Amino acid sequence: MLKPASSTGKDAEKAKDQVTPLAARLMGIYTFMAGIIRIYASFRPEDPSLYQLGIWTHLVAGAHFTSELLVFKTINFSGPQVFPFLAAYGGATWMFLQWSHYVQ
């Protein structure tokens, strides 16, 4: 059974100063914009420009998560933190491998 994360855990103090309302809004807007681009790309996969933008949304997300892991050290590569990496790099890899099938 899942339980909510504790705000008194060992990482709470480390992350407390990093999540500001501005950071939360920026991440929300980025996620919303990436979603819009991906929806447009999914409805017109034969359009090379939209398809490339879809790939780029995955790569930018992957770069963001990688920088959090390697540069800022705010996440560990374990447990639930693995899924964003799988979605970002898996999506980009899949789209790249399927390029010739969709883009004419």
N, C-alpha and C. Protein backbone atom coordinates (compact mmCIF):
# COMPACT_ATOMS: atom_id res chain seq x y z
N MET A 1 0.84 -1.18 0.00
CA MET A 1 0.00 0.00 0.00
C MET A 1 0.89 1.25 0.00
N LEU A 2 0.49 2.23 -0.75
CA LEU A 2 1.25 3.47 -0.83
C LEU A 2 0.91 4.38 0.33
N LYS A 3 1.90 5.07 0.82
CA LYS A 3 1.65 6.06 1.86
C LYS A 3 2.26 7.38 1.42
N PRO A 4 1.68 8.49 1.81
CA PRO A 4 2.22 9.79 1.39
C PRO A 4 3.60 10.04 1.97
N ALA A 5 4.37 10.80 1.23
CA ALA A 5 5.72 11.15 1.69
C ALA A 5 5.63 12.02 2.92
N SER A 6 6.53 11.82 3.82
CA SER A 6 6.56 12.58 5.05
C SER A 6 7.30 13.90 4.82
N SER A 7 6.78 14.96 5.40
CA SER A 7 7.46 16.25 5.29
C SER A 7 8.57 16.37 6.33
N THR A 8 8.72 15.34 7.16
CA THR A 8 9.78 15.37 8.17
C THR A 8 10.91 14.40 7.83
N GLY A 9 10.91 13.89 6.60
CA GLY A 9 11.94 12.94 6.18
C GLY A 9 13.29 13.59 6.04
N LYS A 10 14.31 12.76 5.78
CA LYS A 10 15.68 13.26 5.72
C LYS A 10 15.92 14.23 4.57
N ASP A 11 15.13 14.13 3.49
CA ASP A 11 15.32 15.02 2.34
C ASP A 11 14.44 16.26 2.40
N ALA A 12 13.61 16.36 3.42
CA ALA A 12 12.67 17.49 3.51
C ALA A 12 13.41 18.82 3.60
N GLU A 13 14.42 18.90 4.44
CA GLU A 13 15.16 20.15 4.60
C GLU A 13 15.93 20.50 3.34
N LYS A 14 16.46 19.50 2.68
CA LYS A 14 17.24 19.71 1.46
C LYS A 14 16.37 20.30 0.34
N ALA A 15 15.15 19.84 0.22
CA ALA A 15 14.28 20.25 -0.88
C ALA A 15 13.37 21.42 -0.51
N LYS A 16 13.32 21.79 0.75
CA LYS A 16 12.38 22.81 1.21
C LYS A 16 12.57 24.15 0.50
N ASP A 17 13.80 24.56 0.30
CA ASP A 17 14.07 25.85 -0.32
C ASP A 17 14.06 25.80 -1.84
N GLN A 18 13.86 24.61 -2.43
CA GLN A 18 13.94 24.48 -3.87
C GLN A 18 12.58 24.53 -4.56
N VAL A 19 11.52 24.28 -3.85
CA VAL A 19 10.20 24.29 -4.46
C VAL A 19 9.49 25.58 -4.06
N THR A 20 9.53 26.53 -4.97
CA THR A 20 8.85 27.79 -4.73
C THR A 20 7.58 27.80 -5.57
N PRO A 21 6.65 28.68 -5.28
CA PRO A 21 5.47 28.78 -6.12
C PRO A 21 5.81 29.07 -7.59
N LEU A 22 6.85 29.87 -7.81
CA LEU A 22 7.27 30.16 -9.18
C LEU A 22 7.78 28.89 -9.87
N ALA A 23 8.61 28.11 -9.19
CA ALA A 23 9.13 26.87 -9.78
C ALA A 23 7.99 25.91 -10.09
N ALA A 24 7.02 25.83 -9.21
CA ALA A 24 5.88 24.95 -9.44
C ALA A 24 5.07 25.39 -10.65
N ARG A 25 4.83 26.69 -10.78
CA ARG A 25 4.08 27.20 -11.94
C ARG A 25 4.86 26.99 -13.23
N LEU A 26 6.18 27.22 -13.22
CA LEU A 26 6.98 27.01 -14.43
C LEU A 26 6.94 25.55 -14.87
N MET A 27 7.06 24.62 -13.93
CA MET A 27 7.01 23.20 -14.27
C MET A 27 5.62 22.83 -14.80
N GLY A 28 4.60 23.40 -14.20
CA GLY A 28 3.23 23.15 -14.67
C GLY A 28 3.02 23.66 -16.09
N ILE A 29 3.49 24.86 -16.38
CA ILE A 29 3.35 25.42 -17.73
C ILE A 29 4.16 24.61 -18.73
N TYR A 30 5.39 24.21 -18.37
CA TYR A 30 6.18 23.39 -19.28
C TYR A 30 5.45 22.08 -19.59
N THR A 31 4.92 21.42 -18.58
CA THR A 31 4.22 20.15 -18.77
C THR A 31 3.00 20.35 -19.66
N PHE A 32 2.26 21.42 -19.44
CA PHE A 32 1.09 21.72 -20.26
C PHE A 32 1.47 21.97 -21.72
N MET A 33 2.52 22.77 -21.94
CA MET A 33 2.97 23.07 -23.30
C MET A 33 3.49 21.82 -24.00
N ALA A 34 4.26 21.00 -23.30
CA ALA A 34 4.76 19.74 -23.89
C ALA A 34 3.59 18.84 -24.26
N GLY A 35 2.57 18.81 -23.42
CA GLY A 35 1.38 18.02 -23.72
C GLY A 35 0.66 18.49 -24.97
N ILE A 36 0.53 19.80 -25.13
CA ILE A 36 -0.12 20.35 -26.32
C ILE A 36 0.68 19.97 -27.57
N ILE A 37 1.99 20.14 -27.52
CA ILE A 37 2.83 19.79 -28.67
C ILE A 37 2.69 18.31 -29.00
N ARG A 38 2.71 17.47 -27.98
CA ARG A 38 2.60 16.02 -28.21
C ARG A 38 1.24 15.64 -28.78
N ILE A 39 0.19 16.31 -28.37
CA ILE A 39 -1.14 16.04 -28.93
C ILE A 39 -1.17 16.41 -30.40
N TYR A 40 -0.66 17.60 -30.74
CA TYR A 40 -0.62 18.00 -32.15
C TYR A 40 0.23 17.03 -32.96
N ALA A 41 1.37 16.62 -32.43
CA ALA A 41 2.24 15.68 -33.14
C ALA A 41 1.55 14.33 -33.32
N SER A 42 0.75 13.92 -32.36
CA SER A 42 0.08 12.62 -32.48
C SER A 42 -1.04 12.63 -33.51
N PHE A 43 -1.65 13.79 -33.75
CA PHE A 43 -2.70 13.86 -34.74
C PHE A 43 -2.17 14.05 -36.15
N ARG A 44 -0.92 14.51 -36.28
CA ARG A 44 -0.32 14.69 -37.60
C ARG A 44 1.10 14.13 -37.62
N PRO A 45 1.25 12.83 -37.45
CA PRO A 45 2.60 12.26 -37.37
C PRO A 45 3.36 12.31 -38.69
N GLU A 46 2.67 12.57 -39.79
CA GLU A 46 3.36 12.65 -41.07
C GLU A 46 4.06 14.00 -41.28
N ASP A 47 3.76 14.98 -40.43
CA ASP A 47 4.38 16.30 -40.51
C ASP A 47 5.74 16.27 -39.81
N PRO A 48 6.84 16.39 -40.58
CA PRO A 48 8.17 16.27 -39.95
C PRO A 48 8.44 17.31 -38.86
N SER A 49 7.93 18.52 -39.03
CA SER A 49 8.17 19.57 -38.03
C SER A 49 7.51 19.23 -36.70
N LEU A 50 6.25 18.81 -36.76
CA LEU A 50 5.55 18.44 -35.53
C LEU A 50 6.17 17.20 -34.90
N TYR A 51 6.57 16.25 -35.72
CA TYR A 51 7.18 15.03 -35.21
C TYR A 51 8.49 15.36 -34.50
N GLN A 52 9.29 16.25 -35.10
CA GLN A 52 10.54 16.66 -34.46
C GLN A 52 10.28 17.40 -33.15
N LEU A 53 9.26 18.25 -33.13
CA LEU A 53 8.92 18.94 -31.88
C LEU A 53 8.52 17.94 -30.80
N GLY A 54 7.78 16.89 -31.19
CA GLY A 54 7.42 15.85 -30.24
C GLY A 54 8.65 15.17 -29.66
N ILE A 55 9.61 14.86 -30.52
CA ILE A 55 10.87 14.26 -30.06
C ILE A 55 11.59 15.22 -29.11
N TRP A 56 11.64 16.49 -29.49
CA TRP A 56 12.33 17.47 -28.65
C TRP A 56 11.70 17.61 -27.27
N THR A 57 10.37 17.51 -27.17
CA THR A 57 9.74 17.61 -25.84
C THR A 57 10.23 16.49 -24.94
N HIS A 58 10.41 15.30 -25.51
CA HIS A 58 10.93 14.17 -24.71
C HIS A 58 12.39 14.41 -24.33
N LEU A 59 13.19 14.90 -25.26
CA LEU A 59 14.61 15.12 -24.99
C LEU A 59 14.83 16.24 -23.96
N VAL A 60 14.04 17.30 -24.04
CA VAL A 60 14.17 18.38 -23.07
C VAL A 60 13.79 17.88 -21.67
N ALA A 61 12.71 17.11 -21.59
CA ALA A 61 12.33 16.54 -20.30
C ALA A 61 13.42 15.62 -19.77
N GLY A 62 13.98 14.79 -20.64
CA GLY A 62 15.06 13.90 -20.22
C GLY A 62 16.28 14.67 -19.74
N ALA A 63 16.62 15.73 -20.43
CA ALA A 63 17.76 16.56 -20.02
C ALA A 63 17.49 17.21 -18.66
N HIS A 64 16.26 17.63 -18.45
CA HIS A 64 15.90 18.23 -17.16
C HIS A 64 16.06 17.21 -16.03
N PHE A 65 15.52 16.01 -16.21
CA PHE A 65 15.63 14.99 -15.16
C PHE A 65 17.08 14.57 -14.95
N THR A 66 17.85 14.49 -16.03
CA THR A 66 19.26 14.12 -15.91
C THR A 66 20.03 15.19 -15.14
N SER A 67 19.73 16.46 -15.40
CA SER A 67 20.42 17.52 -14.66
C SER A 67 20.04 17.49 -13.18
N GLU A 68 18.80 17.15 -12.87
CA GLU A 68 18.41 17.03 -11.47
C GLU A 68 19.15 15.88 -10.78
N LEU A 69 19.42 14.83 -11.55
CA LEU A 69 20.13 13.67 -11.00
C LEU A 69 21.63 13.92 -10.87
N LEU A 70 22.26 14.42 -11.93
CA LEU A 70 23.72 14.50 -11.96
C LEU A 70 24.29 15.84 -11.50
N VAL A 71 23.61 16.94 -11.81
CA VAL A 71 24.15 18.26 -11.50
C VAL A 71 23.67 18.75 -10.13
N PHE A 72 22.35 18.78 -9.96
CA PHE A 72 21.78 19.34 -8.73
C PHE A 72 21.64 18.32 -7.61
N LYS A 73 21.67 17.04 -7.98
CA LYS A 73 21.59 15.93 -7.01
C LYS A 73 20.36 16.02 -6.11
N THR A 74 19.22 16.36 -6.71
CA THR A 74 17.98 16.46 -5.94
C THR A 74 17.14 15.19 -6.02
N ILE A 75 17.51 14.25 -6.89
CA ILE A 75 16.80 12.98 -6.96
C ILE A 75 17.80 11.83 -7.01
N ASN A 76 17.31 10.65 -6.68
CA ASN A 76 18.09 9.42 -6.79
C ASN A 76 17.48 8.58 -7.90
N PHE A 77 18.31 7.80 -8.56
CA PHE A 77 17.81 6.94 -9.64
C PHE A 77 17.34 5.63 -9.04
N SER A 78 16.19 5.68 -8.38
CA SER A 78 15.60 4.49 -7.79
C SER A 78 14.11 4.73 -7.57
N GLY A 79 13.39 3.66 -7.46
CA GLY A 79 11.97 3.74 -7.16
C GLY A 79 11.20 4.54 -8.19
N PRO A 80 10.32 5.40 -7.72
CA PRO A 80 9.46 6.16 -8.63
C PRO A 80 10.22 7.15 -9.51
N GLN A 81 11.43 7.52 -9.13
CA GLN A 81 12.21 8.47 -9.93
C GLN A 81 12.67 7.87 -11.25
N VAL A 82 12.57 6.58 -11.43
CA VAL A 82 12.97 5.94 -12.68
C VAL A 82 11.96 6.22 -13.79
N PHE A 83 10.69 6.33 -13.44
CA PHE A 83 9.64 6.46 -14.45
C PHE A 83 9.75 7.70 -15.33
N PRO A 84 10.09 8.88 -14.81
CA PRO A 84 10.26 10.03 -15.72
C PRO A 84 11.37 9.81 -16.74
N PHE A 85 12.44 9.14 -16.32
CA PHE A 85 13.53 8.83 -17.26
C PHE A 85 13.05 7.87 -18.34
N LEU A 86 12.30 6.85 -17.94
CA LEU A 86 11.77 5.90 -18.91
C LEU A 86 10.84 6.59 -19.90
N ALA A 87 9.97 7.45 -19.39
CA ALA A 87 9.03 8.15 -20.28
C ALA A 87 9.76 9.08 -21.23
N ALA A 88 10.72 9.83 -20.72
CA ALA A 88 11.42 10.82 -21.54
C ALA A 88 12.29 10.15 -22.59
N TYR A 89 13.22 9.30 -22.15
CA TYR A 89 14.14 8.69 -23.11
C TYR A 89 13.49 7.56 -23.90
N GLY A 90 12.56 6.86 -23.29
CA GLY A 90 11.83 5.81 -24.02
C GLY A 90 10.97 6.41 -25.12
N GLY A 91 10.28 7.52 -24.81
CA GLY A 91 9.46 8.19 -25.82
C GLY A 91 10.29 8.73 -26.96
N ALA A 92 11.41 9.36 -26.64
CA ALA A 92 12.28 9.91 -27.69
C ALA A 92 12.86 8.80 -28.55
N THR A 93 13.29 7.72 -27.92
CA THR A 93 13.86 6.60 -28.67
C THR A 93 12.80 5.97 -29.58
N TRP A 94 11.62 5.76 -29.04
CA TRP A 94 10.55 5.16 -29.84
C TRP A 94 10.19 6.05 -31.03
N MET A 95 10.06 7.34 -30.79
CA MET A 95 9.72 8.24 -31.89
C MET A 95 10.82 8.27 -32.94
N PHE A 96 12.07 8.25 -32.51
CA PHE A 96 13.18 8.24 -33.46
C PHE A 96 13.16 6.96 -34.29
N LEU A 97 12.94 5.82 -33.65
CA LEU A 97 12.91 4.55 -34.36
C LEU A 97 11.73 4.44 -35.33
N GLN A 98 10.64 5.13 -35.04
CA GLN A 98 9.45 5.06 -35.89
C GLN A 98 9.38 6.18 -36.93
N TRP A 99 10.41 7.01 -36.99
CA TRP A 99 10.43 8.16 -37.91
C TRP A 99 10.08 7.76 -39.34
N SER A 100 10.74 6.77 -39.88
CA SER A 100 10.54 6.40 -41.29
C SER A 100 9.16 5.82 -41.54
N HIS A 101 8.51 5.29 -40.52
CA HIS A 101 7.17 4.75 -40.68
C HIS A 101 6.12 5.86 -40.82
N TYR A 102 6.30 6.94 -40.07
CA TYR A 102 5.29 8.00 -40.05
C TYR A 102 5.61 9.17 -40.99
N VAL A 103 6.85 9.60 -40.99
CA VAL A 103 7.22 10.79 -41.77
C VAL A 103 7.60 10.35 -43.18
N GLN A 104 6.94 10.93 -44.15
CA GLN A 104 7.19 10.55 -45.55
C GLN A 104 8.18 11.51 -46.18
